[in-house]
Amino acid sequence: MKLNLDEMTIDELKELREKLIKDYRVFRFNKMLGQLENTLKIRETRRNIARVNTILREYELGIRKKKNKEEV
């Protein structure tokens, strides 16, 4: 799953993080039940959550400048 995180606003990133966390929980649950065929999804989702968290933290620290919806 290719994400264009640089083009997203802060609100979109927060929504994406919540969605990824839900997906991660579902993948882990399905793995426990033996229903998850592609276990690579767990690792990819966990790394995508980390990417989103990193970008959100950069906004908090002022490393990245906040974008308005008009700029995107």
N, C-alpha and C. Protein backbone atom coordinates (compact mmCIF):
# COMPACT_ATOMS: atom_id res chain seq x y z
N MET A 1 0.84 -1.17 0.00
CA MET A 1 0.00 0.00 0.00
C MET A 1 0.89 1.23 0.00
N LYS A 2 0.84 1.99 -1.08
CA LYS A 2 1.65 3.19 -1.22
C LYS A 2 0.88 4.38 -0.66
N LEU A 3 1.49 5.08 0.27
CA LEU A 3 0.85 6.22 0.91
C LEU A 3 1.55 7.50 0.48
N ASN A 4 0.78 8.53 0.16
CA ASN A 4 1.33 9.84 -0.14
C ASN A 4 1.19 10.71 1.11
N LEU A 5 2.01 10.45 2.08
CA LEU A 5 1.89 11.10 3.37
C LEU A 5 2.28 12.58 3.31
N ASP A 6 3.18 12.94 2.41
CA ASP A 6 3.63 14.32 2.32
C ASP A 6 2.53 15.25 1.83
N GLU A 7 1.55 14.71 1.13
CA GLU A 7 0.48 15.53 0.56
C GLU A 7 -0.73 15.63 1.48
N MET A 8 -0.71 14.95 2.61
CA MET A 8 -1.87 14.92 3.51
C MET A 8 -1.79 16.02 4.55
N THR A 9 -2.96 16.47 4.99
CA THR A 9 -3.02 17.45 6.08
C THR A 9 -2.93 16.71 7.41
N ILE A 10 -2.81 17.47 8.48
CA ILE A 10 -2.68 16.87 9.81
C ILE A 10 -3.93 16.07 10.16
N ASP A 11 -5.10 16.61 9.86
CA ASP A 11 -6.34 15.89 10.16
C ASP A 11 -6.43 14.58 9.38
N GLU A 12 -6.03 14.61 8.13
CA GLU A 12 -6.06 13.40 7.31
C GLU A 12 -5.08 12.37 7.86
N LEU A 13 -3.92 12.83 8.33
CA LEU A 13 -2.94 11.91 8.91
C LEU A 13 -3.47 11.26 10.18
N LYS A 14 -4.17 12.04 11.01
CA LYS A 14 -4.73 11.48 12.24
C LYS A 14 -5.81 10.45 11.93
N GLU A 15 -6.64 10.72 10.92
CA GLU A 15 -7.66 9.75 10.52
C GLU A 15 -7.02 8.49 9.97
N LEU A 16 -5.97 8.66 9.17
CA LEU A 16 -5.27 7.51 8.61
C LEU A 16 -4.64 6.68 9.71
N ARG A 17 -4.07 7.34 10.72
CA ARG A 17 -3.46 6.61 11.84
C ARG A 17 -4.49 5.75 12.56
N GLU A 18 -5.67 6.30 12.81
CA GLU A 18 -6.73 5.54 13.47
C GLU A 18 -7.15 4.33 12.62
N LYS A 19 -7.26 4.54 11.31
CA LYS A 19 -7.64 3.44 10.41
C LYS A 19 -6.56 2.35 10.42
N LEU A 20 -5.31 2.76 10.36
CA LEU A 20 -4.21 1.79 10.36
C LEU A 20 -4.16 1.00 11.67
N ILE A 21 -4.42 1.66 12.78
CA ILE A 21 -4.41 0.97 14.07
C ILE A 21 -5.53 -0.07 14.12
N LYS A 22 -6.71 0.29 13.59
CA LYS A 22 -7.81 -0.68 13.53
C LYS A 22 -7.44 -1.87 12.66
N ASP A 23 -6.86 -1.58 11.49
CA ASP A 23 -6.45 -2.66 10.59
C ASP A 23 -5.42 -3.56 11.25
N TYR A 24 -4.47 -2.96 11.97
CA TYR A 24 -3.43 -3.71 12.65
C TYR A 24 -4.02 -4.68 13.67
N ARG A 25 -5.00 -4.19 14.43
CA ARG A 25 -5.66 -5.06 15.42
C ARG A 25 -6.37 -6.22 14.74
N VAL A 26 -7.05 -5.93 13.64
CA VAL A 26 -7.77 -6.98 12.91
C VAL A 26 -6.79 -8.01 12.36
N PHE A 27 -5.67 -7.55 11.79
CA PHE A 27 -4.68 -8.47 11.25
C PHE A 27 -4.10 -9.37 12.34
N ARG A 28 -3.79 -8.79 13.50
CA ARG A 28 -3.24 -9.60 14.59
C ARG A 28 -4.26 -10.61 15.09
N PHE A 29 -5.51 -10.19 15.20
CA PHE A 29 -6.56 -11.10 15.65
C PHE A 29 -6.73 -12.25 14.66
N ASN A 30 -6.75 -11.93 13.37
CA ASN A 30 -6.90 -12.97 12.35
C ASN A 30 -5.69 -13.90 12.32
N LYS A 31 -4.51 -13.38 12.64
CA LYS A 31 -3.33 -14.23 12.70
C LYS A 31 -3.46 -15.24 13.83
N MET A 32 -3.97 -14.79 14.97
CA MET A 32 -4.16 -15.69 16.11
C MET A 32 -5.15 -16.80 15.77
N LEU A 33 -6.16 -16.46 14.97
CA LEU A 33 -7.16 -17.45 14.58
C LEU A 33 -6.70 -18.33 13.42
N GLY A 34 -5.57 -17.97 12.82
CA GLY A 34 -5.07 -18.73 11.68
C GLY A 34 -5.76 -18.38 10.38
N GLN A 35 -6.40 -17.23 10.32
CA GLN A 35 -7.13 -16.84 9.12
C GLN A 35 -6.36 -15.86 8.24
N LEU A 36 -5.23 -15.38 8.69
CA LEU A 36 -4.46 -14.41 7.92
C LEU A 36 -3.44 -15.16 7.07
N GLU A 37 -3.59 -15.05 5.75
CA GLU A 37 -2.70 -15.78 4.84
C GLU A 37 -1.40 -15.02 4.63
N ASN A 38 -1.48 -13.70 4.50
CA ASN A 38 -0.30 -12.90 4.23
C ASN A 38 0.10 -12.15 5.50
N THR A 39 1.04 -12.72 6.25
CA THR A 39 1.44 -12.10 7.52
C THR A 39 2.30 -10.86 7.30
N LEU A 40 2.73 -10.62 6.08
CA LEU A 40 3.51 -9.42 5.77
C LEU A 40 2.68 -8.16 5.98
N LYS A 41 1.36 -8.28 5.90
CA LYS A 41 0.47 -7.14 6.11
C LYS A 41 0.65 -6.56 7.51
N ILE A 42 0.91 -7.41 8.48
CA ILE A 42 1.10 -6.94 9.86
C ILE A 42 2.31 -6.01 9.93
N ARG A 43 3.40 -6.44 9.35
CA ARG A 43 4.63 -5.64 9.39
C ARG A 43 4.47 -4.34 8.61
N GLU A 44 3.86 -4.42 7.42
CA GLU A 44 3.65 -3.22 6.62
C GLU A 44 2.77 -2.21 7.34
N THR A 45 1.72 -2.69 7.98
CA THR A 45 0.80 -1.81 8.70
C THR A 45 1.50 -1.17 9.89
N ARG A 46 2.27 -1.95 10.62
CA ARG A 46 2.99 -1.41 11.78
C ARG A 46 3.98 -0.32 11.34
N ARG A 47 4.65 -0.54 10.23
CA ARG A 47 5.61 0.45 9.73
C ARG A 47 4.91 1.70 9.21
N ASN A 48 3.74 1.52 8.59
CA ASN A 48 2.98 2.69 8.13
C ASN A 48 2.50 3.52 9.31
N ILE A 49 2.10 2.87 10.40
CA ILE A 49 1.71 3.59 11.61
C ILE A 49 2.90 4.41 12.12
N ALA A 50 4.07 3.82 12.11
CA ALA A 50 5.27 4.53 12.57
C ALA A 50 5.58 5.71 11.66
N ARG A 51 5.39 5.55 10.36
CA ARG A 51 5.63 6.66 9.43
C ARG A 51 4.69 7.83 9.71
N VAL A 52 3.42 7.52 9.91
CA VAL A 52 2.44 8.56 10.19
C VAL A 52 2.76 9.24 11.52
N ASN A 53 3.09 8.46 12.53
CA ASN A 53 3.44 9.03 13.83
C ASN A 53 4.67 9.94 13.73
N THR A 54 5.64 9.56 12.92
CA THR A 54 6.84 10.37 12.74
C THR A 54 6.50 11.70 12.10
N ILE A 55 5.67 11.68 11.08
CA ILE A 55 5.30 12.93 10.40
C ILE A 55 4.50 13.83 11.33
N LEU A 56 3.57 13.25 12.09
CA LEU A 56 2.80 14.06 13.04
C LEU A 56 3.72 14.67 14.10
N ARG A 57 4.70 13.93 14.55
CA ARG A 57 5.64 14.46 15.54
C ARG A 57 6.49 15.58 14.94
N GLU A 58 6.87 15.45 13.68
CA GLU A 58 7.63 16.50 13.02
C GLU A 58 6.82 17.79 12.94
N TYR A 59 5.52 17.67 12.72
CA TYR A 59 4.67 18.86 12.73
C TYR A 59 4.64 19.49 14.12
N GLU A 60 4.56 18.67 15.16
CA GLU A 60 4.54 19.18 16.54
C GLU A 60 5.83 19.93 16.88
N LEU A 61 6.95 19.41 16.42
CA LEU A 61 8.24 20.01 16.74
C LEU A 61 8.59 21.18 15.83
N GLY A 62 7.81 21.38 14.78
CA GLY A 62 8.07 22.48 13.85
C GLY A 62 9.06 22.14 12.77
N ILE A 63 9.42 20.89 12.64
CA ILE A 63 10.35 20.47 11.59
C ILE A 63 9.66 20.58 10.23
N ARG A 64 8.39 20.21 10.19
CA ARG A 64 7.58 20.36 8.99
C ARG A 64 6.63 21.53 9.19
N LYS A 65 6.35 22.22 8.11
CA LYS A 65 5.41 23.33 8.18
C LYS A 65 4.00 22.81 7.92
N LYS A 66 3.04 23.36 8.66
CA LYS A 66 1.65 22.93 8.51
C LYS A 66 1.11 23.39 7.17
N LYS A 67 0.34 22.50 6.54
CA LYS A 67 -0.26 22.79 5.25
C LYS A 67 -1.74 23.04 5.42
N ASN A 68 -2.24 23.98 4.67
CA ASN A 68 -3.68 24.19 4.61
C ASN A 68 -4.23 23.32 3.50
N LYS A 69 -5.54 23.12 3.50
CA LYS A 69 -6.15 22.30 2.45
C LYS A 69 -5.98 22.94 1.08
N GLU A 70 -5.89 24.27 1.02
CA GLU A 70 -5.74 24.95 -0.26
C GLU A 70 -4.37 24.67 -0.88
N GLU A 71 -3.37 24.46 -0.05
CA GLU A 71 -2.02 24.22 -0.55
C GLU A 71 -1.85 22.82 -1.10
N VAL A 72 -2.66 21.89 -0.66
CA VAL A 72 -2.50 20.49 -1.06
C VAL A 72 -3.14 20.23 -2.36
